[in-house]
């Protein structure tokens, strides 16, 4: 179980870093395409979050990564 806790801690640290980068990107976004790309990324994160809701205690979580389309 301690290995799993370490994995979760690592993921949380990485998500904190991603959150900082998202905030920076939001501040710098200037075109509609950039804003749409960020919105798509946040929607994807939100959809992933809903997979965890109502799963206490979590016995198994299936997750997938959705590729976000590149800027045109």
N, C-alpha and C. Protein backbone atom coordinates (compact mmCIF):
# COMPACT_ATOMS: atom_id res chain seq x y z
N UNK A 1 0.81 -1.19 0.00
CA UNK A 1 0.00 0.00 0.00
C UNK A 1 0.86 1.26 0.00
N UNK A 2 2.07 1.19 0.61
CA UNK A 2 2.92 2.38 0.64
C UNK A 2 3.40 2.76 -0.75
N UNK A 3 3.60 1.76 -1.63
CA UNK A 3 3.98 2.08 -3.01
C UNK A 3 2.86 2.86 -3.68
N UNK A 4 1.62 2.43 -3.46
CA UNK A 4 0.48 3.12 -4.04
C UNK A 4 0.38 4.54 -3.52
N UNK A 5 0.61 4.72 -2.22
CA UNK A 5 0.59 6.06 -1.63
C UNK A 5 1.66 6.93 -2.28
N UNK A 6 2.83 6.36 -2.53
CA UNK A 6 3.90 7.11 -3.20
C UNK A 6 3.51 7.51 -4.61
N UNK A 7 2.84 6.62 -5.31
CA UNK A 7 2.37 6.92 -6.67
C UNK A 7 1.36 8.06 -6.63
N UNK A 8 0.42 7.98 -5.69
CA UNK A 8 -0.60 9.02 -5.58
C UNK A 8 0.05 10.36 -5.23
N UNK A 9 0.99 10.36 -4.30
CA UNK A 9 1.69 11.59 -3.94
C UNK A 9 2.41 12.18 -5.14
N UNK A 10 3.03 11.33 -5.93
CA UNK A 10 3.73 11.79 -7.13
C UNK A 10 2.75 12.41 -8.12
N UNK A 11 1.61 11.77 -8.30
CA UNK A 11 0.60 12.30 -9.22
C UNK A 11 0.10 13.65 -8.73
N UNK A 12 -0.13 13.78 -7.43
CA UNK A 12 -0.60 15.05 -6.87
C UNK A 12 0.42 16.15 -7.10
N UNK A 13 1.70 15.85 -6.89
CA UNK A 13 2.74 16.85 -7.14
C UNK A 13 2.76 17.26 -8.61
N UNK A 14 2.64 16.29 -9.49
CA UNK A 14 2.63 16.60 -10.92
C UNK A 14 1.41 17.43 -11.29
N UNK A 15 0.26 17.12 -10.70
CA UNK A 15 -0.95 17.90 -10.98
C UNK A 15 -0.82 19.33 -10.46
N UNK A 16 -0.15 19.51 -9.32
CA UNK A 16 0.11 20.86 -8.83
C UNK A 16 0.92 21.65 -9.84
N UNK A 17 1.95 21.01 -10.40
CA UNK A 17 2.77 21.66 -11.42
C UNK A 17 1.95 21.98 -12.66
N UNK A 18 1.13 21.02 -13.08
CA UNK A 18 0.26 21.24 -14.24
C UNK A 18 -0.70 22.40 -13.97
N UNK A 19 -1.24 22.46 -12.76
CA UNK A 19 -2.14 23.56 -12.40
C UNK A 19 -1.46 24.92 -12.53
N UNK A 20 -0.22 25.00 -12.08
CA UNK A 20 0.54 26.25 -12.22
C UNK A 20 0.74 26.59 -13.69
N UNK A 21 1.06 25.59 -14.50
CA UNK A 21 1.27 25.82 -15.93
C UNK A 21 -0.03 26.22 -16.62
N UNK A 22 -1.14 25.62 -16.21
CA UNK A 22 -2.44 25.99 -16.79
C UNK A 22 -2.76 27.44 -16.45
N UNK A 23 -2.54 27.84 -15.20
CA UNK A 23 -2.79 29.23 -14.81
C UNK A 23 -1.94 30.19 -15.63
N UNK A 24 -0.69 29.83 -15.85
CA UNK A 24 0.19 30.66 -16.66
C UNK A 24 -0.30 30.73 -18.11
N UNK A 25 -0.71 29.58 -18.64
CA UNK A 25 -1.21 29.54 -20.02
C UNK A 25 -2.49 30.36 -20.17
N UNK A 26 -3.35 30.31 -19.16
CA UNK A 26 -4.59 31.10 -19.20
C UNK A 26 -4.24 32.58 -19.26
N UNK A 27 -3.27 32.99 -18.46
CA UNK A 27 -2.85 34.39 -18.44
C UNK A 27 -2.29 34.83 -19.79
N UNK A 28 -1.61 33.92 -20.48
CA UNK A 28 -0.95 34.26 -21.73
C UNK A 28 -1.80 34.01 -22.98
N UNK A 29 -2.89 33.27 -22.84
CA UNK A 29 -3.73 32.95 -24.00
C UNK A 29 -4.31 34.23 -24.59
N UNK A 30 -4.17 34.36 -25.91
CA UNK A 30 -4.67 35.58 -26.54
C UNK A 30 -5.57 35.31 -27.74
N UNK A 31 -5.45 34.15 -28.34
CA UNK A 31 -6.28 33.87 -29.51
C UNK A 31 -7.42 32.94 -29.13
N UNK A 32 -8.46 32.96 -29.95
CA UNK A 32 -9.60 32.06 -29.73
C UNK A 32 -9.16 30.60 -29.75
N UNK A 33 -8.22 30.26 -30.65
CA UNK A 33 -7.75 28.87 -30.75
C UNK A 33 -7.04 28.44 -29.47
N UNK A 34 -6.22 29.32 -28.91
CA UNK A 34 -5.52 29.00 -27.67
C UNK A 34 -6.50 28.82 -26.52
N UNK A 35 -7.47 29.70 -26.45
CA UNK A 35 -8.49 29.62 -25.39
C UNK A 35 -9.30 28.34 -25.54
N UNK A 36 -9.67 27.98 -26.76
CA UNK A 36 -10.44 26.75 -26.99
C UNK A 36 -9.62 25.52 -26.61
N UNK A 37 -8.34 25.53 -26.93
CA UNK A 37 -7.47 24.41 -26.59
C UNK A 37 -7.39 24.23 -25.07
N UNK A 38 -7.23 25.33 -24.34
CA UNK A 38 -7.21 25.25 -22.88
C UNK A 38 -8.54 24.77 -22.33
N UNK A 39 -9.63 25.26 -22.91
CA UNK A 39 -10.95 24.83 -22.46
C UNK A 39 -11.13 23.32 -22.67
N UNK A 40 -10.70 22.83 -23.82
CA UNK A 40 -10.78 21.39 -24.11
C UNK A 40 -9.97 20.58 -23.09
N UNK A 41 -8.79 21.07 -22.74
CA UNK A 41 -7.95 20.38 -21.76
C UNK A 41 -8.62 20.33 -20.40
N UNK A 42 -9.22 21.44 -20.00
CA UNK A 42 -9.88 21.48 -18.70
C UNK A 42 -11.13 20.61 -18.67
N UNK A 43 -11.85 20.54 -19.77
CA UNK A 43 -13.01 19.65 -19.86
C UNK A 43 -12.57 18.20 -19.72
N UNK A 44 -11.46 17.85 -20.36
CA UNK A 44 -10.94 16.49 -20.26
C UNK A 44 -10.57 16.14 -18.82
N UNK A 45 -9.93 17.08 -18.12
CA UNK A 45 -9.60 16.86 -16.72
C UNK A 45 -10.86 16.71 -15.87
N UNK A 46 -11.86 17.52 -16.17
CA UNK A 46 -13.12 17.46 -15.42
C UNK A 46 -13.81 16.11 -15.63
N UNK A 47 -13.79 15.62 -16.86
CA UNK A 47 -14.40 14.32 -17.15
C UNK A 47 -13.67 13.20 -16.43
N UNK A 48 -12.36 13.30 -16.34
CA UNK A 48 -11.58 12.30 -15.61
C UNK A 48 -11.91 12.34 -14.13
N UNK A 49 -12.11 13.54 -13.60
CA UNK A 49 -12.46 13.70 -12.19
C UNK A 49 -13.78 13.01 -11.86
N UNK A 50 -14.73 13.08 -12.76
CA UNK A 50 -16.03 12.48 -12.49
C UNK A 50 -15.93 10.96 -12.34
N UNK A 51 -14.89 10.36 -12.92
CA UNK A 51 -14.69 8.92 -12.76
C UNK A 51 -14.43 8.55 -11.30
N UNK A 52 -13.86 9.49 -10.55
CA UNK A 52 -13.51 9.22 -9.16
C UNK A 52 -14.65 9.51 -8.19
N UNK A 53 -15.60 10.33 -8.59
CA UNK A 53 -16.69 10.70 -7.68
C UNK A 53 -17.52 9.47 -7.32
N UNK A 54 -17.84 9.36 -6.09
CA UNK A 54 -18.67 8.26 -5.63
C UNK A 54 -17.94 6.95 -5.49
N UNK A 55 -16.62 6.95 -5.55
CA UNK A 55 -15.84 5.72 -5.46
C UNK A 55 -15.05 5.70 -4.16
N UNK A 56 -15.74 5.76 -3.03
CA UNK A 56 -15.06 5.72 -1.75
C UNK A 56 -15.52 4.50 -0.99
N UNK A 57 -14.69 3.58 -0.61
CA UNK A 57 -13.29 3.50 -1.00
C UNK A 57 -13.13 3.02 -2.44
N UNK A 58 -12.05 3.41 -3.04
CA UNK A 58 -11.80 3.04 -4.43
C UNK A 58 -11.18 1.65 -4.46
N UNK A 59 -11.82 0.74 -5.16
CA UNK A 59 -11.25 -0.60 -5.29
C UNK A 59 -10.56 -0.76 -6.64
N UNK A 60 -11.05 -0.03 -7.63
CA UNK A 60 -10.43 -0.11 -8.95
C UNK A 60 -10.84 1.13 -9.72
N UNK A 61 -9.88 1.78 -10.34
CA UNK A 61 -10.16 2.95 -11.17
C UNK A 61 -9.58 2.69 -12.54
N UNK A 62 -10.42 2.77 -13.55
CA UNK A 62 -9.95 2.67 -14.93
C UNK A 62 -9.88 4.08 -15.48
N UNK A 63 -8.75 4.46 -16.01
CA UNK A 63 -8.58 5.80 -16.54
C UNK A 63 -8.04 5.71 -17.95
N UNK A 64 -8.32 6.73 -18.71
CA UNK A 64 -7.77 6.80 -20.06
C UNK A 64 -7.29 8.22 -20.31
N UNK A 65 -6.36 8.34 -21.21
CA UNK A 65 -5.83 9.64 -21.59
C UNK A 65 -6.39 9.98 -22.95
N UNK A 66 -6.97 11.16 -23.05
CA UNK A 66 -7.54 11.60 -24.31
C UNK A 66 -6.59 12.61 -24.93
N UNK A 67 -6.20 12.37 -26.16
CA UNK A 67 -5.31 13.30 -26.85
C UNK A 67 -6.09 14.57 -27.17
N UNK A 68 -5.51 15.69 -26.85
CA UNK A 68 -6.12 16.98 -27.15
C UNK A 68 -5.57 17.45 -28.48
N UNK A 69 -6.47 17.90 -29.32
CA UNK A 69 -6.05 18.30 -30.67
C UNK A 69 -5.05 19.44 -30.60
N UNK A 70 -4.05 19.45 -31.48
CA UNK A 70 -3.05 20.52 -31.48
C UNK A 70 -3.64 21.82 -32.03
N UNK A 71 -2.94 22.90 -31.77
CA UNK A 71 -3.36 24.19 -32.32
C UNK A 71 -3.35 24.12 -33.84
N UNK A 72 -4.33 24.74 -34.47
CA UNK A 72 -4.36 24.73 -35.95
C UNK A 72 -3.20 25.52 -36.53
